[in-house]
Every structure is written in C-alpha cells, then in structure tokens.
Amino acid sequence: MRLQYPTNVRVIQLPCSGRVDILHLLKAFEDGADGVYVAGCMEGDCHFLTGNYKARRKVNYVKEVLKSLGIEPERIEMFNMSSAEGPRFAQIANEFTQRIKELGPSPVPKAQAA
C-alpha cells in the first residue's frame, strides 16, 4: 500500500507472531533498539490457533523482565491487527515511535561486536 511509517522501524517477518522468542525480544534491546513491538493477528483469529496468545505472554514476560531491571516496560508492546489493516500498522508504527522518542534512548548498554 506504500504507506509511510518511520524509517527507523525494522520489520522482521515471521510465519506467526507466536514464533517470536523471548531471546529475540531481549536481544533487540541488547543490539541497540530503544523499543520493540510485536504485531500479531487479531485475538481468536490466528491461522495457527494460539500463536498470538503465545506472543502476548512472551511480550508480557519481557515487560516484567524490563521492569525488574529498572527499564520502562512501555518500551515493548504487542498489537493485534489484521493483515488487511495496513493503515493501522502505519499508525501504530508512528505512535509507538513517538512513545519511544518521549522515553528517550534505551538505558541498555549496546552489545560490543566480538
């Protein structure tokens, strides 16, 4: 649809949001991401039945990990949307990017390349 969203948003496609791993989410912060969001299908409408519920549990777990480390849990979020909702994806990308800008840079030290 050629919709506009911030250029600093990196899209990583998976067959199902349920395939995202807690380590993927934490590694994104370690690699320098200031915020991470997972876009999954509408609840109850997952082709793989429960993938989006699994993704939400993983995102909520990472929220708790960040909170326990003294990092704002608002830096990670899960959004549910249909694949036909391109304009909503762009809107969420813009709103989430603005939220992260207001929070400022992530306090997580960036990993050093070996």
C-alpha atoms as a PDB file:
ATOM      1  CA  MET A   1       0.000   0.000   0.000  1.00  0.00           C
ATOM      2  CA  ARG A   2       3.088   2.225   0.095  1.00  0.00           C
ATOM      3  CA  LEU A   3       2.127   3.626   3.482  1.00  0.00           C
ATOM      4  CA  GLN A   4       4.508   5.902   5.317  1.00  0.00           C
ATOM      5  CA  TYR A   5       5.974   4.922   8.662  1.00  0.00           C
ATOM      6  CA  PRO A   6       9.232   5.937  10.356  1.00  0.00           C
ATOM      7  CA  THR A   7      12.403   4.754   8.632  1.00  0.00           C
ATOM      8  CA  ASN A   8      13.850   3.564  11.934  1.00  0.00           C
ATOM      9  CA  VAL A   9      11.153   0.849  12.219  1.00  0.00           C
ATOM     10  CA  ARG A  10      12.680  -2.506  11.288  1.00  0.00           C
ATOM     11  CA  VAL A  11      10.206  -5.154  10.189  1.00  0.00           C
ATOM     12  CA  ILE A  12      11.131  -8.769  10.848  1.00  0.00           C
ATOM     13  CA  GLN A  13       8.602 -11.150   9.357  1.00  0.00           C
ATOM     14  CA  LEU A  14       7.781 -14.485  10.929  1.00  0.00           C
ATOM     15  CA  PRO A  15       5.196 -17.054   9.829  1.00  0.00           C
ATOM     16  CA  CYS A  16       3.329 -16.381  13.090  1.00  0.00           C
ATOM     17  CA  SER A  17       3.790 -13.915  15.948  1.00  0.00           C
ATOM     18  CA  GLY A  18       3.842 -16.959  18.243  1.00  0.00           C
ATOM     19  CA  ARG A  19       7.247 -17.832  16.759  1.00  0.00           C
ATOM     20  CA  VAL A  20       8.866 -14.770  18.299  1.00  0.00           C
ATOM     21  CA  ASP A  21      11.132 -15.844  21.135  1.00  0.00           C
ATOM     22  CA  ILE A  22      11.812 -14.091  24.419  1.00  0.00           C
ATOM     23  CA  LEU A  23      15.506 -14.119  23.491  1.00  0.00           C
ATOM     24  CA  HIS A  24      14.722 -12.346  20.182  1.00  0.00           C
ATOM     25  CA  LEU A  25      12.964  -9.589  22.077  1.00  0.00           C
ATOM     26  CA  LEU A  26      15.715  -9.164  24.669  1.00  0.00           C
ATOM     27  CA  LYS A  27      18.449  -9.361  22.014  1.00  0.00           C
ATOM     28  CA  ALA A  28      16.837  -6.480  20.142  1.00  0.00           C
ATOM     29  CA  PHE A  29      17.379  -4.270  23.190  1.00  0.00           C
ATOM     30  CA  GLU A  30      20.913  -5.580  23.623  1.00  0.00           C
ATOM     31  CA  ASP A  31      21.602  -4.767  19.962  1.00  0.00           C
ATOM     32  CA  GLY A  32      20.532  -1.165  20.487  1.00  0.00           C
ATOM     33  CA  ALA A  33      16.758  -0.998  19.946  1.00  0.00           C
ATOM     34  CA  ASP A  34      15.092   1.686  22.057  1.00  0.00           C
ATOM     35  CA  GLY A  35      11.725  -0.059  21.724  1.00  0.00           C
ATOM     36  CA  VAL A  36      10.233  -3.249  20.293  1.00  0.00           C
ATOM     37  CA  TYR A  37       6.711  -4.127  19.282  1.00  0.00           C
ATOM     38  CA  VAL A  38       5.168  -7.315  18.012  1.00  0.00           C
ATOM     39  CA  ALA A  39       2.309  -7.124  15.511  1.00  0.00           C
ATOM     40  CA  GLY A  40       0.163 -10.238  15.531  1.00  0.00           C
ATOM     41  CA  CYS A  41      -3.201 -11.256  14.150  1.00  0.00           C
ATOM     42  CA  MET A  42      -6.431 -10.467  15.874  1.00  0.00           C
ATOM     43  CA  GLU A  43      -7.034 -12.469  19.040  1.00  0.00           C
ATOM     44  CA  GLY A  44      -9.077 -15.545  18.240  1.00  0.00           C
ATOM     45  CA  ASP A  45      -8.264 -15.256  14.534  1.00  0.00           C
ATOM     46  CA  CYS A  46      -4.807 -16.850  14.368  1.00  0.00           C
ATOM     47  CA  HIS A  47      -4.186 -19.228  11.466  1.00  0.00           C
ATOM     48  CA  PHE A  48      -2.024 -21.260  13.881  1.00  0.00           C
ATOM     49  CA  LEU A  49      -4.822 -21.106  16.515  1.00  0.00           C
ATOM     50  CA  THR A  50      -2.958 -19.814  19.583  1.00  0.00           C
ATOM     51  CA  GLY A  51       0.158 -18.131  18.204  1.00  0.00           C
ATOM     52  CA  ASN A  52      -0.910 -14.611  19.046  1.00  0.00           C
ATOM     53  CA  TYR A  53      -1.755 -15.635  22.632  1.00  0.00           C
ATOM     54  CA  LYS A  54       1.711 -17.148  22.989  1.00  0.00           C
ATOM     55  CA  ALA A  55       3.266 -13.971  21.620  1.00  0.00           C
ATOM     56  CA  ARG A  56       1.319 -11.813  24.090  1.00  0.00           C
ATOM     57  CA  ARG A  57       2.502 -13.979  27.016  1.00  0.00           C
ATOM     58  CA  LYS A  58       6.102 -13.632  25.829  1.00  0.00           C
ATOM     59  CA  VAL A  59       5.794  -9.860  25.445  1.00  0.00           C
ATOM     60  CA  ASN A  60       4.247  -9.588  28.919  1.00  0.00           C
ATOM     61  CA  TYR A  61       7.085 -11.694  30.331  1.00  0.00           C
ATOM     62  CA  VAL A  62       9.677  -9.395  28.759  1.00  0.00           C
ATOM     63  CA  LYS A  63       7.788  -6.391  30.190  1.00  0.00           C
ATOM     64  CA  GLU A  64       8.272  -7.913  33.645  1.00  0.00           C
ATOM     65  CA  VAL A  65      11.962  -8.600  32.960  1.00  0.00           C
ATOM     66  CA  LEU A  66      12.500  -4.990  31.874  1.00  0.00           C
ATOM     67  CA  LYS A  67      10.605  -3.724  34.916  1.00  0.00           C
ATOM     68  CA  SER A  68      12.754  -5.846  37.245  1.00  0.00           C
ATOM     69  CA  LEU A  69      15.855  -4.345  35.600  1.00  0.00           C
ATOM     70  CA  GLY A  70      14.589  -0.812  36.171  1.00  0.00           C
ATOM     71  CA  ILE A  71      13.794  -0.258  32.482  1.00  0.00           C
ATOM     72  CA  GLU A  72      10.450   1.149  31.361  1.00  0.00           C
ATOM     73  CA  PRO A  73       8.177  -1.769  30.397  1.00  0.00           C
ATOM     74  CA  GLU A  74       6.479   0.596  27.912  1.00  0.00           C
ATOM     75  CA  ARG A  75       9.451   0.003  25.616  1.00  0.00           C
ATOM     76  CA  ILE A  76       7.871  -3.274  24.466  1.00  0.00           C
ATOM     77  CA  GLU A  77       4.313  -3.804  23.290  1.00  0.00           C
ATOM     78  CA  MET A  78       2.063  -6.229  21.436  1.00  0.00           C
ATOM     79  CA  PHE A  79      -0.525  -5.036  18.927  1.00  0.00           C
ATOM     80  CA  ASN A  80      -3.184  -7.159  17.256  1.00  0.00           C
ATOM     81  CA  MET A  81      -4.257  -6.332  13.734  1.00  0.00           C
ATOM     82  CA  SER A  82      -5.429  -7.972  10.562  1.00  0.00           C
ATOM     83  CA  SER A  83      -3.100  -8.272   7.580  1.00  0.00           C
ATOM     84  CA  ALA A  84      -5.615  -6.083   5.719  1.00  0.00           C
ATOM     85  CA  GLU A  85      -5.061  -3.206   8.159  1.00  0.00           C
ATOM     86  CA  GLY A  86      -2.069  -1.567   6.511  1.00  0.00           C
ATOM     87  CA  PRO A  87      -3.103   1.950   7.557  1.00  0.00           C
ATOM     88  CA  ARG A  88      -3.418   0.778  11.177  1.00  0.00           C
ATOM     89  CA  PHE A  89       0.078  -0.751  11.003  1.00  0.00           C
ATOM     90  CA  ALA A  90       1.468   2.595   9.826  1.00  0.00           C
ATOM     91  CA  GLN A  91      -0.467   4.460  12.537  1.00  0.00           C
ATOM     92  CA  ILE A  92       0.812   2.135  15.274  1.00  0.00           C
ATOM     93  CA  ALA A  93       4.380   2.427  13.938  1.00  0.00           C
ATOM     94  CA  ASN A  94       4.131   6.227  14.112  1.00  0.00           C
ATOM     95  CA  GLU A  95       2.522   6.280  17.570  1.00  0.00           C
ATOM     96  CA  PHE A  96       4.921   3.736  19.047  1.00  0.00           C
ATOM     97  CA  THR A  97       7.926   5.579  17.606  1.00  0.00           C
ATOM     98  CA  GLN A  98       6.654   8.786  19.216  1.00  0.00           C
ATOM     99  CA  ARG A  99       6.222   6.998  22.560  1.00  0.00           C
ATOM    100  CA  ILE A 100       9.798   5.726  22.415  1.00  0.00           C
ATOM    101  CA  LYS A 101      11.128   9.192  21.491  1.00  0.00           C
ATOM    102  CA  GLU A 102       9.397  10.569  24.592  1.00  0.00           C
ATOM    103  CA  LEU A 103      11.016   7.860  26.745  1.00  0.00           C
ATOM    104  CA  GLY A 104      14.422   8.666  25.273  1.00  0.00           C
ATOM    105  CA  PRO A 105      17.279   6.314  24.418  1.00  0.00           C
ATOM    106  CA  SER A 106      17.284   2.869  25.956  1.00  0.00           C
ATOM    107  CA  PRO A 107      19.393   2.544  29.104  1.00  0.00           C
ATOM    108  CA  VAL A 108      20.516  -0.931  27.979  1.00  0.00           C
ATOM    109  CA  PRO A 109      24.211  -0.810  27.052  1.00  0.00           C
ATOM    110  CA  LYS A 110      24.738  -1.850  23.455  1.00  0.00           C
ATOM    111  CA  ALA A 111      26.500  -5.189  22.927  1.00  0.00           C
ATOM    112  CA  GLN A 112      30.076  -4.988  21.696  1.00  0.00           C
ATOM    113  CA  ALA A 113      30.910  -6.837  18.487  1.00  0.00           C
ATOM    114  CA  ALA A 114      33.377  -9.636  19.034  1.00  0.00           C
END
